[in-house]
Protein backbone atom coordinates (compact mmCIF):
# COMPACT_ATOMS: atom_id res chain seq x y z
CA MET A 1 5.38 8.39 -49.49
CA ILE A 2 6.89 9.91 -46.34
CA THR A 3 4.61 12.40 -44.62
CA ILE A 4 5.38 14.73 -41.72
CA LYS A 5 3.23 12.46 -39.51
CA ASN A 6 5.18 9.35 -40.57
CA LEU A 7 8.47 11.17 -40.01
CA LYS A 8 7.43 12.18 -36.48
CA CYS A 9 6.47 8.56 -35.71
CA LEU A 10 9.84 7.33 -37.00
CA VAL A 11 11.72 9.88 -34.90
CA LEU A 12 9.68 8.85 -31.82
CA ILE A 13 10.39 5.13 -32.39
CA LEU A 14 14.12 5.77 -32.86
CA SER A 15 14.17 7.98 -29.77
CA MET A 16 12.45 5.30 -27.64
CA SER A 17 14.85 2.68 -29.00
CA LEU A 18 17.88 4.81 -28.18
CA THR A 19 16.50 5.57 -24.72
CA SER A 20 16.03 1.84 -24.02
CA LYS A 21 19.60 1.13 -25.16
CA VAL A 22 20.97 3.94 -23.00
CA PHE A 23 19.06 2.62 -19.97
CA ALA A 24 20.18 -0.94 -20.68
CA GLN A 25 23.81 0.21 -20.61
CA GLN A 26 23.36 1.98 -17.26
CA LYS A 27 23.25 0.42 -13.83
CA PHE A 28 21.40 0.94 -10.61
CA THR A 29 23.63 -0.02 -7.70
CA ILE A 30 23.12 0.08 -3.99
CA SER A 31 25.75 -0.58 -1.33
CA GLY A 32 24.81 -0.76 2.28
CA ASN A 33 25.57 -1.73 5.82
CA ALA A 34 23.22 -3.62 8.10
CA PRO A 35 24.54 -4.14 11.66
CA GLY A 36 23.64 -7.47 13.21
CA LYS A 37 22.21 -8.85 9.95
CA ASN A 38 25.06 -11.11 8.83
CA GLY A 39 23.83 -14.10 6.84
CA GLN A 40 20.48 -12.51 6.06
CA LYS A 41 19.31 -12.04 2.49
CA VAL A 42 18.82 -8.61 0.95
CA GLU A 43 16.41 -8.54 -1.99
CA LEU A 44 15.47 -5.83 -4.46
CA VAL A 45 11.82 -6.39 -5.36
CA ARG A 46 9.64 -4.59 -7.89
CA PHE A 47 5.85 -4.70 -7.97
CA THR A 48 4.23 -4.54 -11.39
CA GLU A 49 0.53 -4.46 -12.20
CA GLY A 50 -0.03 -8.10 -11.36
CA SER A 51 3.18 -9.72 -10.22
CA ILE A 52 6.32 -9.34 -8.15
CA GLN A 53 9.74 -9.25 -9.76
CA ASN A 54 12.80 -10.28 -7.78
CA LEU A 55 15.36 -8.04 -9.46
CA ALA A 56 18.47 -8.97 -7.47
CA ALA A 57 19.68 -10.31 -4.15
CA ASP A 58 22.77 -10.46 -1.97
CA THR A 59 23.68 -12.05 1.36
CA ILE A 60 24.96 -9.74 4.06
CA LYS A 61 28.61 -10.42 4.94
CA ASN A 62 30.64 -8.41 7.42
CA GLU A 63 27.46 -6.34 7.86
CA LYS A 64 27.62 -5.18 4.23
CA PHE A 65 25.86 -5.91 0.95
CA HIS A 66 25.96 -4.77 -2.67
CA ILE A 67 23.33 -5.04 -5.40
CA SER A 68 23.54 -4.04 -9.04
CA VAL A 69 20.89 -4.26 -11.78
CA PRO A 70 20.50 -2.85 -15.31
CA VAL A 71 18.10 0.10 -15.55
CA ASP A 72 15.38 -0.97 -17.97
CA GLU A 73 13.20 2.02 -17.03
CA ILE A 74 12.63 4.40 -14.14
CA SER A 75 10.44 2.59 -11.60
CA LEU A 76 9.90 1.89 -7.92
CA ALA A 77 11.36 -1.01 -5.97
CA LEU A 78 11.44 -2.22 -2.39
CA ILE A 79 14.42 -3.32 -0.36
CA GLN A 80 13.67 -6.36 1.77
CA ILE A 81 16.01 -7.65 4.44
CA ASP A 82 15.12 -11.11 5.67
CA LYS A 83 11.73 -10.62 3.96
CA LYS A 84 11.06 -7.47 6.04
CA PHE A 85 10.54 -4.00 4.58
CA GLY A 86 13.76 -2.03 4.38
CA GLY A 87 12.78 0.99 2.32
CA THR A 88 11.57 2.22 -1.06
CA VAL A 89 13.98 3.24 -3.81
CA ALA A 90 13.72 4.27 -7.44
CA ILE A 91 15.42 2.13 -10.06
CA GLU A 92 17.42 4.81 -11.89
CA PRO A 93 20.93 5.32 -13.26
CA ALA A 94 22.53 6.02 -9.88
CA HIS A 95 24.56 4.60 -7.02
CA LEU A 96 22.87 4.60 -3.61
CA MET A 97 24.42 4.25 -0.20
CA TYR A 98 22.14 2.45 2.23
CA SER A 99 22.56 2.58 5.99
CA MET A 100 20.68 0.83 8.76
CA ALA A 101 21.03 1.56 12.45
CA VAL A 102 20.93 -1.09 15.16
CA ASP A 103 17.34 -0.07 16.03
CA GLY A 104 16.22 -0.75 12.46
CA THR A 105 16.12 2.86 11.28
CA PHE A 106 17.29 3.08 7.67
CA GLY A 107 18.13 5.73 5.14
CA THR A 108 19.59 6.22 1.66
CA GLU A 109 21.90 8.73 0.05
CA GLY A 110 22.08 9.30 -3.69
CA GLY A 111 19.77 9.03 -6.66
CA LYS A 112 17.70 11.86 -8.10
CA TYR A 113 14.32 10.21 -7.69
CA THR A 114 15.04 8.26 -4.53
CA THR A 115 16.14 11.44 -2.75
CA VAL A 116 12.95 13.29 -3.68
CA LEU A 117 10.56 10.43 -2.91
CA ASN A 118 12.13 9.68 0.48
CA GLY A 119 12.39 13.33 1.52
CA PHE A 120 10.01 12.81 4.44
CA LEU A 121 12.61 10.60 6.12
CA LYS A 122 14.72 13.71 6.82
CA ASN A 123 11.86 15.75 8.24
CA LYS A 124 12.73 16.54 11.88
CA ALA A 125 9.17 15.95 13.04
CA PHE A 126 9.10 12.59 11.24
CA ILE A 127 12.43 11.57 12.79
CA ALA A 128 11.20 12.54 16.28
CA ALA A 129 7.95 10.60 15.84
CA ASP A 130 9.84 7.60 14.44
CA ASP A 131 12.31 7.63 17.34
CA LEU A 132 9.47 7.73 19.88
CA PHE A 133 7.58 5.00 18.03
CA LYS A 134 10.62 2.71 18.05
CA LYS A 135 11.31 3.46 21.71
CA LEU A 136 7.76 2.62 22.75
CA THR A 137 7.61 -0.51 20.61
CA LYS A 138 11.15 -1.66 21.39
CA GLY A 139 12.35 -1.23 17.83
CA GLY A 140 9.03 -1.44 16.02
CA ASN A 141 7.81 -4.72 17.52
CA ILE A 142 4.12 -3.84 17.88
CA ALA A 143 3.21 -7.43 18.72
CA ALA A 144 5.24 -7.16 21.93
CA ILE A 145 2.93 -4.47 23.34
CA LYS A 146 -0.35 -5.64 21.80
CA GLY A 147 -3.21 -5.34 24.27
CA THR A 148 -1.25 -3.22 26.77
CA LYS A 149 -1.54 0.45 27.73
CA GLU A 150 1.77 1.04 25.94
CA GLU A 151 -0.04 0.23 22.70
CA TRP A 152 -2.05 3.46 23.08
CA GLU A 153 1.08 5.51 23.72
CA MET A 154 2.61 4.38 20.43
CA ILE A 155 -0.51 5.25 18.40
CA GLU A 156 0.15 9.01 18.48
CA PRO A 157 3.69 8.84 17.03
CA PHE A 158 2.51 6.17 14.57
CA LEU A 159 -0.28 8.42 13.28
CA LYS A 160 2.11 11.38 13.21
CA LYS A 161 4.57 9.45 11.06
CA GLU A 162 1.88 8.27 8.68
CA ASP A 163 0.38 11.75 8.39
CA LEU A 164 3.75 13.37 7.62
CA ARG A 165 4.60 10.69 5.07
CA SER A 166 1.25 10.76 3.30
CA SER A 167 1.09 14.57 3.30
CA TYR A 168 4.58 14.77 1.82
CA LEU A 169 3.79 12.27 -0.94
CA ALA A 170 0.41 13.87 -1.70
CA ASN A 171 2.17 17.21 -2.10
CA LEU A 172 4.62 15.63 -4.56
CA VAL A 173 1.69 14.37 -6.62
CA LYS A 174 0.12 17.81 -6.59
CA SER A 175 3.11 20.15 -6.91
CA ASN A 176 6.26 18.42 -8.16
CA PRO A 177 6.88 19.37 -11.81
CA ASP A 178 8.37 15.98 -12.81
CA PRO A 179 5.66 13.62 -14.17
CA LYS A 180 7.62 10.54 -13.07
CA VAL A 181 7.79 11.84 -9.50
CA LYS A 182 4.04 12.42 -9.50
CA VAL A 183 3.33 8.86 -10.61
CA MET A 184 5.79 7.20 -8.23
CA ALA A 185 4.54 9.31 -5.29
CA ALA A 186 0.95 8.33 -6.17
CA ILE A 187 1.97 4.67 -6.05
CA MET A 188 3.74 5.10 -2.70
CA CYS A 189 0.67 6.69 -1.09
CA GLU A 190 -1.66 4.21 -2.84
CA LEU A 191 -3.53 7.03 -4.61
CA GLN A 192 -4.67 8.45 -1.27
CA PRO A 193 -6.01 10.57 0.37
CA ASP A 194 -8.37 11.19 -2.55
CA ALA A 195 -8.03 8.62 -5.33
CA ALA A 196 -10.28 10.54 -7.74
CA LYS A 197 -8.30 13.77 -7.44
CA THR A 198 -5.01 11.88 -7.58
CA MET A 199 -6.03 10.18 -10.81
CA GLU A 200 -7.08 13.50 -12.35
CA ILE A 201 -3.48 14.65 -11.93
CA ILE A 202 -1.99 11.35 -13.09
CA ASN A 203 -4.17 11.26 -16.21
CA LYS A 204 -2.83 14.66 -17.24
CA VAL A 205 0.81 13.52 -17.09
CA ALA A 206 0.20 9.98 -18.39
CA PRO A 207 1.13 10.85 -22.02
CA GLN A 208 4.50 12.18 -20.83
CA VAL A 209 5.22 9.12 -18.70
CA GLY A 210 3.89 6.54 -21.16
CA GLU A 211 0.94 4.23 -20.63
CA ASN A 212 3.03 1.13 -21.22
CA THR A 213 5.61 1.91 -18.57
CA ILE A 214 5.81 -0.18 -15.41
CA MET A 215 4.81 2.85 -13.35
CA MET A 216 1.68 3.69 -15.31
CA ARG A 217 0.59 0.06 -15.54
CA ARG A 218 0.97 -0.19 -11.76
CA VAL A 219 -1.11 2.97 -11.21
CA ARG A 220 -3.83 1.76 -13.55
CA SER A 221 -3.90 -1.58 -11.75
CA MET A 222 -4.24 0.12 -8.35
CA GLU A 223 -7.01 2.35 -9.69
CA LYS A 224 -8.97 -0.66 -11.00
CA GLN A 225 -8.50 -2.66 -7.81
CA GLN A 226 -9.66 0.17 -5.58
CA ALA A 227 -12.64 0.96 -7.81
CA ALA A 228 -13.64 -2.71 -7.88
CA ALA A 229 -13.35 -3.01 -4.09
CA LEU A 230 -15.48 0.10 -3.58
CA ALA A 231 -18.05 -1.12 -6.10
CA ARG A 232 -18.32 -4.46 -4.26
CA ARG A 233 -18.91 -2.65 -0.98
CA HIS A 234 -21.56 -0.43 -2.54
CA GLU A 235 -23.37 -3.16 -4.48
CA GLY A 236 -23.57 -5.45 -1.47
CA MET A 237 -25.54 -2.94 0.59
CA LEU A 238 -27.34 -0.27 -1.42
CA GLY A 239 -31.08 -0.77 -1.31
CA GLN A 240 -30.76 -3.60 1.23
CA GLN A 241 -32.31 -3.71 4.69
CA PHE A 242 -29.89 -2.95 7.49
CA THR A 243 -28.73 -5.70 9.84
CA ASP A 244 -29.43 -5.17 13.51
CA PHE A 245 -26.70 -5.83 16.07
CA THR A 246 -25.99 -5.46 19.76
CA ALA A 247 -22.85 -3.78 21.07
CA VAL A 248 -21.76 -2.00 24.24
CA ASN A 249 -20.74 1.57 24.97
CA LEU A 250 -17.78 2.63 27.10
CA LYS A 251 -19.88 2.21 30.25
CA GLY A 252 -20.59 -1.40 29.32
CA GLU A 253 -24.24 -0.70 28.50
CA SER A 254 -25.77 -2.76 25.68
CA MET A 255 -27.27 -1.05 22.66
CA ASN A 256 -29.34 -2.34 19.77
CA LEU A 257 -29.19 -0.55 16.42
CA ALA A 258 -32.84 -1.22 15.49
CA PRO A 259 -34.51 1.25 17.94
CA ILE A 260 -32.07 3.98 16.91
CA VAL A 261 -32.91 3.49 13.24
CA LYS A 262 -36.65 3.49 14.00
CA ASN A 263 -36.51 6.68 16.07
CA ASN A 264 -34.51 8.83 13.64
CA LYS A 265 -35.05 9.95 10.06
CA TYR A 266 -31.53 8.87 9.10
CA THR A 267 -28.81 7.00 10.96
CA LEU A 268 -25.17 7.26 9.94
CA LEU A 269 -23.36 4.10 11.02
CA GLN A 270 -19.68 4.96 11.00
CA PHE A 271 -16.77 2.54 11.42
CA TRP A 272 -13.50 3.82 12.86
CA ALA A 273 -10.58 2.89 15.14
CA SER A 274 -8.14 4.63 17.46
CA TRP A 275 -5.20 3.74 15.20
CA CYS A 276 -6.84 4.88 11.94
CA GLY A 277 -5.51 8.28 10.87
CA PRO A 278 -8.12 8.96 8.14
CA CYS A 279 -10.89 7.97 10.58
CA ARG A 280 -9.67 10.44 13.20
CA LYS A 281 -9.35 13.18 10.56
CA GLU A 282 -12.98 12.61 9.57
CA ILE A 283 -14.34 13.25 13.07
CA PRO A 284 -14.40 17.10 12.88
CA LEU A 285 -16.66 16.82 9.80
CA LEU A 286 -18.93 14.38 11.65
CA LYS A 287 -19.19 16.86 14.52
CA GLN A 288 -20.22 19.62 12.11
CA LEU A 289 -22.85 17.40 10.50
CA TYR A 290 -24.19 16.24 13.87
CA SER A 291 -24.42 19.78 15.19
CA LYS A 292 -26.24 20.98 12.06
CA TYR A 293 -28.58 18.05 11.42
CA LYS A 294 -29.24 16.35 14.78
CA SER A 295 -32.35 18.48 15.33
CA LYS A 296 -33.55 17.57 11.82
CA GLY A 297 -33.46 13.83 12.45
CA LEU A 298 -29.85 12.67 12.06
CA GLU A 299 -28.25 10.21 14.47
CA ILE A 300 -24.70 8.92 14.34
CA VAL A 301 -23.55 5.57 15.68
CA SER A 302 -19.79 5.11 15.78
CA PHE A 303 -18.63 1.50 15.85
CA SER A 304 -15.01 1.10 16.93
CA MET A 305 -12.92 -1.51 15.14
CA ASP A 306 -10.46 -1.61 18.05
CA ASP A 307 -9.64 -4.78 19.95
CA ASN A 308 -8.03 -2.94 22.88
CA LYS A 309 -10.58 -1.26 25.16
CA TYR A 310 -8.00 1.10 26.64
CA ASN A 311 -7.16 2.43 23.16
CA TRP A 312 -10.84 2.87 22.36
CA GLU A 313 -11.43 4.72 25.64
CA LYS A 314 -8.44 7.04 25.26
CA ALA A 315 -9.20 7.90 21.64
CA SER A 316 -12.83 8.56 22.52
CA GLU A 317 -11.73 10.91 25.31
CA VAL A 318 -9.50 12.81 22.89
CA GLU A 319 -12.16 13.05 20.17
CA LYS A 320 -15.02 13.88 22.58
CA PHE A 321 -17.83 12.12 20.76
CA ASN A 322 -21.27 13.49 21.59
CA TRP A 323 -23.16 10.73 19.81
CA ILE A 324 -23.51 6.96 20.30
CA ASN A 325 -20.15 5.20 20.47
CA VAL A 326 -20.04 1.39 20.71
CA SER A 327 -17.88 -1.65 19.97
CA ASP A 328 -17.57 -5.39 20.46
CA LEU A 329 -13.74 -5.13 20.57
CA ARG A 330 -13.30 -7.84 17.95
CA ALA A 331 -11.82 -5.59 15.26
CA PHE A 332 -12.14 -7.12 11.78
CA GLY A 333 -13.18 -10.42 13.33
CA SER A 334 -16.42 -8.76 14.40
CA GLY A 335 -19.65 -10.19 13.09
CA VAL A 336 -20.83 -6.61 12.52
CA ALA A 337 -17.87 -5.94 10.23
CA LYS A 338 -18.67 -9.07 8.27
CA VAL A 339 -22.36 -8.44 7.64
CA TYR A 340 -21.95 -4.86 6.38
CA PRO A 341 -19.14 -5.75 5.16
CA ILE A 342 -16.11 -3.77 6.27
CA PHE A 343 -12.76 -4.45 4.59
CA GLY A 344 -11.16 -1.11 5.35
CA ILE A 345 -11.85 2.02 7.38
CA PRO A 346 -13.14 4.68 7.53
CA ALA A 347 -16.39 3.23 6.24
CA ASN A 348 -20.04 4.09 6.74
CA VAL A 349 -23.65 3.44 5.75
CA ILE A 350 -26.65 5.76 5.82
CA ILE A 351 -29.88 4.04 6.89
CA ASP A 352 -33.35 5.57 6.57
CA GLN A 353 -36.14 5.25 9.13
CA ASN A 354 -37.55 2.21 7.32
CA GLY A 355 -34.24 0.41 7.64
CA LYS A 356 -33.15 0.74 4.02
CA ILE A 357 -29.48 1.45 3.28
CA LEU A 358 -29.39 4.55 1.07
CA ALA A 359 -25.66 5.12 0.74
CA SER A 360 -22.36 3.62 1.78
CA ASN A 361 -18.70 4.54 2.11
CA LEU A 362 -19.05 8.24 1.39
CA LEU A 363 -16.15 10.45 2.41
CA ASP A 364 -15.60 14.17 2.91
CA LYS A 365 -17.66 16.30 0.51
CA GLU A 366 -19.65 13.32 -0.77
CA LEU A 367 -20.84 12.52 2.77
CA GLU A 368 -21.60 16.15 3.54
CA THR A 369 -23.54 16.58 0.28
CA LYS A 370 -25.57 13.40 0.81
CA ILE A 371 -26.57 14.30 4.37
CA ALA A 372 -27.54 17.83 3.24
CA GLU A 373 -29.58 16.38 0.37
CA LEU A 374 -31.49 14.02 2.67
CA LEU A 375 -32.22 16.59 5.36
CA LYS A 376 -32.68 19.76 3.32
């Protein structure tokens, strides 16, 4: 007996089958030029939920390359040139023209989804910041200026680029009407700046995209990985006694955490760095909290994850901290980062006067709400 429900299922199956056949008959091609890269390998790589697929490759000859692959489904892929990042593209029925300048700047033309997702690359402010970044780093070679004063100068354009890119992608997730664009933009910005809000949006469009698609499986995998990492950071500290440490402030004066914890109702130990955009964006909120709750027993201790003192000093001057600001300048090799433990920043713990860790890794409204709850 054929029911309306059975008929709808049959139509859906036939439609999916026809769509797969149509995709299989269509090609994604990309032709490009890469000055000074003769003999190097160009690879088209796709990340799935737990593996990496090498979709196609070509060797650059006469500064040109060409790659062609069948379109199995709309999805994201990376271009790698000599194993180095060369851009993000969408696998779609389209032909893309890829161009790379001598300084390493790259761009693409063509493709419905690729054009939308890479729209930030044509933003004038992004281009200006990218040009300055490459000039200061001699083409993007950060290692060449590591530990020098020039490293600080490149931080501003680096943060500007990252902010423009992430803001653009976050806006696509929020406002673009195409469900596929929302999902691919969420992947590109790694569900940030707010994974919970991002996933609320993605969950609403998931039925239209399809849970079994490469894109949705990738998003679900990212969501699980981030949740597991956050859970590990929470579980390892909540309810535990804090670990004392000694570090120095910008004047070179030593400071122990223990007396600060003992002398205040609550101590917010906050981890940040000069090069961390989200950390720097969080500072205005910390200033508000400190101004409101300092008199009620709140102290803040900022621990810099920098390894360049000049960068730490300059960023501190810009941000104008009015609370304790220390570091051991060992970045993620710091013993402090290991005992708390810190795998990514911004990060924080709230410690009560008895030395017990009450909360960890709260951001934005969660942090504000927790502090208000403790010091109401």
